[in-house]
């Protein structure tokens, strides 16, 4: 299968950070590619690794963020050893929320629809970070190290799908 698309299309599908990390390998090379915005041929293997084959382009970035967090919680949560339920490590979740904006590089110049979506996304993520910080923290000690966790279901309840 032959897949061709422009660098900007990869950004619009929220895959830029993954593409740069797994396929390009260099931030400078990625910036050059974006400025040229020429068609890129992506192998089927690379498209599968980046997640390109399961993504639909949308300007609804809040929905994309919510989907990202939900998938992250599904994949990274662990069973609570004391109660029934799932836990997500505080540090891991905080990093995942912060890293989502890396999908949209500073050197990208989006059109007005994307600018508005990005502004809304930044506001939503800032609000989400404040709400997450207010959640109850569960501490678990393992081999003399104390780890902090959030309840995964409590994090999911913070996500607003009706905006």
C-alpha atoms as a PDB file:
ATOM      1  CA  UNK A   1       0.000   0.000   0.000  1.00  0.00           C
ATOM      2  CA  UNK A   2       1.302   3.465  -0.883  1.00  0.00           C
ATOM      3  CA  UNK A   3       0.423   6.285   1.520  1.00  0.00           C
ATOM      4  CA  UNK A   4       1.225   9.875   0.576  1.00  0.00           C
ATOM      5  CA  UNK A   5       0.399  12.942   2.608  1.00  0.00           C
ATOM      6  CA  UNK A   6       1.828  16.331   3.530  1.00  0.00           C
ATOM      7  CA  UNK A   7       3.542  17.127   6.830  1.00  0.00           C
ATOM      8  CA  UNK A   8       0.706  19.461   7.805  1.00  0.00           C
ATOM      9  CA  UNK A   9      -1.796  16.619   7.392  1.00  0.00           C
ATOM     10  CA  UNK A  10       0.160  14.594   9.947  1.00  0.00           C
ATOM     11  CA  UNK A  11      -0.136  17.472  12.422  1.00  0.00           C
ATOM     12  CA  UNK A  12      -3.862  17.806  11.766  1.00  0.00           C
ATOM     13  CA  UNK A  13      -4.262  14.150  12.694  1.00  0.00           C
ATOM     14  CA  UNK A  14      -2.428  14.766  16.018  1.00  0.00           C
ATOM     15  CA  UNK A  15       0.417  12.427  15.077  1.00  0.00           C
ATOM     16  CA  UNK A  16       3.333  14.834  14.633  1.00  0.00           C
ATOM     17  CA  UNK A  17       5.230  13.934  17.832  1.00  0.00           C
ATOM     18  CA  UNK A  18       4.952  10.222  17.058  1.00  0.00           C
ATOM     19  CA  UNK A  19       5.996  10.738  13.426  1.00  0.00           C
ATOM     20  CA  UNK A  20       9.051  12.799  14.434  1.00  0.00           C
ATOM     21  CA  UNK A  21      10.091  10.292  17.100  1.00  0.00           C
ATOM     22  CA  UNK A  22       9.608   7.022  15.217  1.00  0.00           C
ATOM     23  CA  UNK A  23      10.058   7.967  11.562  1.00  0.00           C
ATOM     24  CA  UNK A  24      12.046  11.197  11.152  1.00  0.00           C
ATOM     25  CA  UNK A  25      14.268  11.003  14.223  1.00  0.00           C
ATOM     26  CA  UNK A  26      15.347  14.667  14.201  1.00  0.00           C
ATOM     27  CA  UNK A  27      13.420  17.785  15.206  1.00  0.00           C
ATOM     28  CA  UNK A  28      15.438  19.939  12.761  1.00  0.00           C
ATOM     29  CA  UNK A  29      14.668  17.609   9.876  1.00  0.00           C
ATOM     30  CA  UNK A  30      10.995  17.579  10.885  1.00  0.00           C
ATOM     31  CA  UNK A  31      10.900  21.394  10.949  1.00  0.00           C
ATOM     32  CA  UNK A  32      12.427  21.497   7.454  1.00  0.00           C
ATOM     33  CA  UNK A  33       9.847  18.993   6.208  1.00  0.00           C
ATOM     34  CA  UNK A  34       7.000  21.036   7.655  1.00  0.00           C
ATOM     35  CA  UNK A  35       8.245  24.282   6.114  1.00  0.00           C
ATOM     36  CA  UNK A  36       8.471  22.625   2.691  1.00  0.00           C
ATOM     37  CA  UNK A  37       5.133  20.856   3.265  1.00  0.00           C
ATOM     38  CA  UNK A  38       5.864  18.601   0.287  1.00  0.00           C
ATOM     39  CA  UNK A  39       4.173  15.251  -0.134  1.00  0.00           C
ATOM     40  CA  UNK A  40       5.721  12.504   1.964  1.00  0.00           C
ATOM     41  CA  UNK A  41       5.465   8.829   1.186  1.00  0.00           C
ATOM     42  CA  UNK A  42       4.884   6.848   4.371  1.00  0.00           C
ATOM     43  CA  UNK A  43       5.379   3.096   4.425  1.00  0.00           C
ATOM     44  CA  UNK A  44       2.568   0.907   5.650  1.00  0.00           C
ATOM     45  CA  UNK A  45       4.706  -0.154   8.617  1.00  0.00           C
ATOM     46  CA  UNK A  46       5.418   3.468   9.620  1.00  0.00           C
ATOM     47  CA  UNK A  47       1.740   4.365   9.221  1.00  0.00           C
ATOM     48  CA  UNK A  48       0.819   1.493  11.524  1.00  0.00           C
ATOM     49  CA  UNK A  49       3.443   2.483  14.126  1.00  0.00           C
ATOM     50  CA  UNK A  50       2.307   6.132  14.157  1.00  0.00           C
ATOM     51  CA  UNK A  51      -1.366   5.204  14.357  1.00  0.00           C
ATOM     52  CA  UNK A  52      -2.206   6.834  11.030  1.00  0.00           C
ATOM     53  CA  UNK A  53      -4.408   3.956   9.914  1.00  0.00           C
ATOM     54  CA  UNK A  54      -6.955   4.502  12.708  1.00  0.00           C
ATOM     55  CA  UNK A  55      -7.176   8.306  12.758  1.00  0.00           C
ATOM     56  CA  UNK A  56      -9.689  10.687  11.226  1.00  0.00           C
ATOM     57  CA  UNK A  57      -8.795  14.350  10.774  1.00  0.00           C
ATOM     58  CA  UNK A  58     -10.921  16.746  12.820  1.00  0.00           C
ATOM     59  CA  UNK A  59     -10.610  20.270  14.184  1.00  0.00           C
ATOM     60  CA  UNK A  60     -12.345  19.106  17.370  1.00  0.00           C
ATOM     61  CA  UNK A  61      -9.106  18.859  19.347  1.00  0.00           C
ATOM     62  CA  UNK A  62     -10.830  18.593  22.720  1.00  0.00           C
ATOM     63  CA  UNK A  63     -12.434  15.368  21.544  1.00  0.00           C
ATOM     64  CA  UNK A  64      -9.028  14.124  20.330  1.00  0.00           C
ATOM     65  CA  UNK A  65      -7.510  14.982  23.738  1.00  0.00           C
ATOM     66  CA  UNK A  66     -10.311  13.184  25.580  1.00  0.00           C
ATOM     67  CA  UNK A  67      -9.835  10.135  23.350  1.00  0.00           C
ATOM     68  CA  UNK A  68      -6.093  10.251  23.995  1.00  0.00           C
ATOM     69  CA  UNK A  69      -6.582  10.378  27.782  1.00  0.00           C
ATOM     70  CA  UNK A  70      -9.194   7.596  27.704  1.00  0.00           C
ATOM     71  CA  UNK A  71      -6.931   5.309  25.665  1.00  0.00           C
ATOM     72  CA  UNK A  72      -4.005   6.195  27.923  1.00  0.00           C
ATOM     73  CA  UNK A  73      -5.997   5.290  31.037  1.00  0.00           C
ATOM     74  CA  UNK A  74      -7.150   2.049  29.441  1.00  0.00           C
ATOM     75  CA  UNK A  75      -3.597   1.010  28.610  1.00  0.00           C
ATOM     76  CA  UNK A  76      -1.656   2.291  31.638  1.00  0.00           C
ATOM     77  CA  UNK A  77      -3.992   1.737  34.601  1.00  0.00           C
ATOM     78  CA  UNK A  78      -3.209  -0.945  37.163  1.00  0.00           C
ATOM     79  CA  UNK A  79      -5.457  -2.775  39.607  1.00  0.00           C
ATOM     80  CA  UNK A  80      -5.745  -1.236  43.049  1.00  0.00           C
ATOM     81  CA  UNK A  81      -4.201  -3.753  45.480  1.00  0.00           C
ATOM     82  CA  UNK A  82      -6.433  -2.601  48.367  1.00  0.00           C
ATOM     83  CA  UNK A  83      -9.827  -2.141  46.698  1.00  0.00           C
ATOM     84  CA  UNK A  84     -11.626  -2.981  43.494  1.00  0.00           C
ATOM     85  CA  UNK A  85     -10.795  -0.390  40.904  1.00  0.00           C
ATOM     86  CA  UNK A  86      -8.012   0.935  38.731  1.00  0.00           C
ATOM     87  CA  UNK A  87      -5.216   3.360  39.500  1.00  0.00           C
ATOM     88  CA  UNK A  88      -3.042   5.515  37.278  1.00  0.00           C
ATOM     89  CA  UNK A  89       0.319   6.791  38.441  1.00  0.00           C
ATOM     90  CA  UNK A  90       0.191  10.550  39.110  1.00  0.00           C
ATOM     91  CA  UNK A  91       3.501  11.336  37.433  1.00  0.00           C
ATOM     92  CA  UNK A  92       2.605   9.307  34.333  1.00  0.00           C
ATOM     93  CA  UNK A  93      -0.788  10.988  33.888  1.00  0.00           C
ATOM     94  CA  UNK A  94       0.625  14.477  34.419  1.00  0.00           C
ATOM     95  CA  UNK A  95       3.253  13.808  31.757  1.00  0.00           C
ATOM     96  CA  UNK A  96       0.688  12.431  29.283  1.00  0.00           C
ATOM     97  CA  UNK A  97      -1.496  15.529  29.691  1.00  0.00           C
ATOM     98  CA  UNK A  98       1.459  17.898  29.287  1.00  0.00           C
ATOM     99  CA  UNK A  99       2.852  16.069  26.256  1.00  0.00           C
ATOM    100  CA  UNK A 100      -0.376  16.227  24.217  1.00  0.00           C
ATOM    101  CA  UNK A 101       0.419  19.745  23.013  1.00  0.00           C
ATOM    102  CA  UNK A 102       3.706  18.429  21.544  1.00  0.00           C
ATOM    103  CA  UNK A 103       1.559  17.106  18.701  1.00  0.00           C
ATOM    104  CA  UNK A 104       1.340  20.702  17.454  1.00  0.00           C
ATOM    105  CA  UNK A 105       4.861  22.136  17.005  1.00  0.00           C
ATOM    106  CA  UNK A 106       5.569  25.814  17.664  1.00  0.00           C
ATOM    107  CA  UNK A 107       6.912  26.283  14.136  1.00  0.00           C
ATOM    108  CA  UNK A 108       3.579  25.201  12.564  1.00  0.00           C
ATOM    109  CA  UNK A 109       1.461  28.049  11.205  1.00  0.00           C
ATOM    110  CA  UNK A 110      -2.162  26.813  11.228  1.00  0.00           C
ATOM    111  CA  UNK A 111      -5.143  28.466   9.568  1.00  0.00           C
ATOM    112  CA  UNK A 112      -7.773  30.312  11.634  1.00  0.00           C
ATOM    113  CA  UNK A 113      -9.986  27.265  12.301  1.00  0.00           C
ATOM    114  CA  UNK A 114      -7.024  25.393  13.755  1.00  0.00           C
ATOM    115  CA  UNK A 115      -5.849  28.444  15.723  1.00  0.00           C
ATOM    116  CA  UNK A 116      -9.239  28.639  17.444  1.00  0.00           C
ATOM    117  CA  UNK A 117      -9.275  24.898  18.118  1.00  0.00           C
ATOM    118  CA  UNK A 118      -5.774  25.065  19.590  1.00  0.00           C
ATOM    119  CA  UNK A 119      -6.749  27.983  21.852  1.00  0.00           C
ATOM    120  CA  UNK A 120      -9.788  26.054  23.079  1.00  0.00           C
ATOM    121  CA  UNK A 121      -7.607  22.980  23.637  1.00  0.00           C
ATOM    122  CA  UNK A 122      -5.029  24.904  25.688  1.00  0.00           C
ATOM    123  CA  UNK A 123      -7.783  26.350  27.893  1.00  0.00           C
ATOM    124  CA  UNK A 124      -9.362  22.898  28.307  1.00  0.00           C
ATOM    125  CA  UNK A 125      -6.034  21.266  29.206  1.00  0.00           C
ATOM    126  CA  UNK A 126      -5.262  24.014  31.736  1.00  0.00           C
ATOM    127  CA  UNK A 127      -8.669  23.483  33.366  1.00  0.00           C
ATOM    128  CA  UNK A 128      -8.129  19.715  33.302  1.00  0.00           C
ATOM    129  CA  UNK A 129      -4.744  20.037  35.034  1.00  0.00           C
ATOM    130  CA  UNK A 130      -6.316  22.110  37.821  1.00  0.00           C
ATOM    131  CA  UNK A 131      -9.111  19.562  38.301  1.00  0.00           C
ATOM    132  CA  UNK A 132      -6.693  16.614  38.273  1.00  0.00           C
ATOM    133  CA  UNK A 133      -4.556  18.267  40.960  1.00  0.00           C
ATOM    134  CA  UNK A 134      -7.643  18.394  43.213  1.00  0.00           C
ATOM    135  CA  UNK A 135      -8.242  14.633  42.959  1.00  0.00           C
ATOM    136  CA  UNK A 136      -7.577  12.368  45.897  1.00  0.00           C
ATOM    137  CA  UNK A 137      -4.118  10.808  45.802  1.00  0.00           C
ATOM    138  CA  UNK A 138      -3.546   7.195  46.827  1.00  0.00           C
ATOM    139  CA  UNK A 139      -0.052   6.435  48.064  1.00  0.00           C
ATOM    140  CA  UNK A 140       1.381   2.958  47.705  1.00  0.00           C
ATOM    141  CA  UNK A 141       4.736   1.943  49.125  1.00  0.00           C
ATOM    142  CA  UNK A 142       6.784  -0.612  47.219  1.00  0.00           C
ATOM    143  CA  UNK A 143      10.330  -1.555  48.219  1.00  0.00           C
ATOM    144  CA  UNK A 144      10.694   1.554  50.411  1.00  0.00           C
ATOM    145  CA  UNK A 145       9.556   3.893  47.620  1.00  0.00           C
ATOM    146  CA  UNK A 146       6.229   5.717  47.861  1.00  0.00           C
ATOM    147  CA  UNK A 147       4.297   6.086  44.595  1.00  0.00           C
ATOM    148  CA  UNK A 148       1.338   8.416  44.120  1.00  0.00           C
ATOM    149  CA  UNK A 149      -1.720   7.320  42.145  1.00  0.00           C
ATOM    150  CA  UNK A 150      -5.054   8.753  41.023  1.00  0.00           C
ATOM    151  CA  UNK A 151      -8.225   6.714  40.674  1.00  0.00           C
ATOM    152  CA  UNK A 152      -8.611   6.128  36.926  1.00  0.00           C
ATOM    153  CA  UNK A 153     -12.409   6.374  37.058  1.00  0.00           C
ATOM    154  CA  UNK A 154     -12.186   9.737  38.833  1.00  0.00           C
ATOM    155  CA  UNK A 155      -9.943  11.021  36.023  1.00  0.00           C
ATOM    156  CA  UNK A 156     -12.387   9.743  33.364  1.00  0.00           C
ATOM    157  CA  UNK A 157     -15.237  11.581  35.101  1.00  0.00           C
ATOM    158  CA  UNK A 158     -13.345  14.870  34.652  1.00  0.00           C
ATOM    159  CA  UNK A 159     -13.412  14.546  30.876  1.00  0.00           C
ATOM    160  CA  UNK A 160     -16.147  16.613  29.221  1.00  0.00           C
ATOM    161  CA  UNK A 161     -17.487  14.943  26.100  1.00  0.00           C
ATOM    162  CA  UNK A 162     -20.464  17.312  25.736  1.00  0.00           C
ATOM    163  CA  UNK A 163     -18.824  20.647  24.987  1.00  0.00           C
END
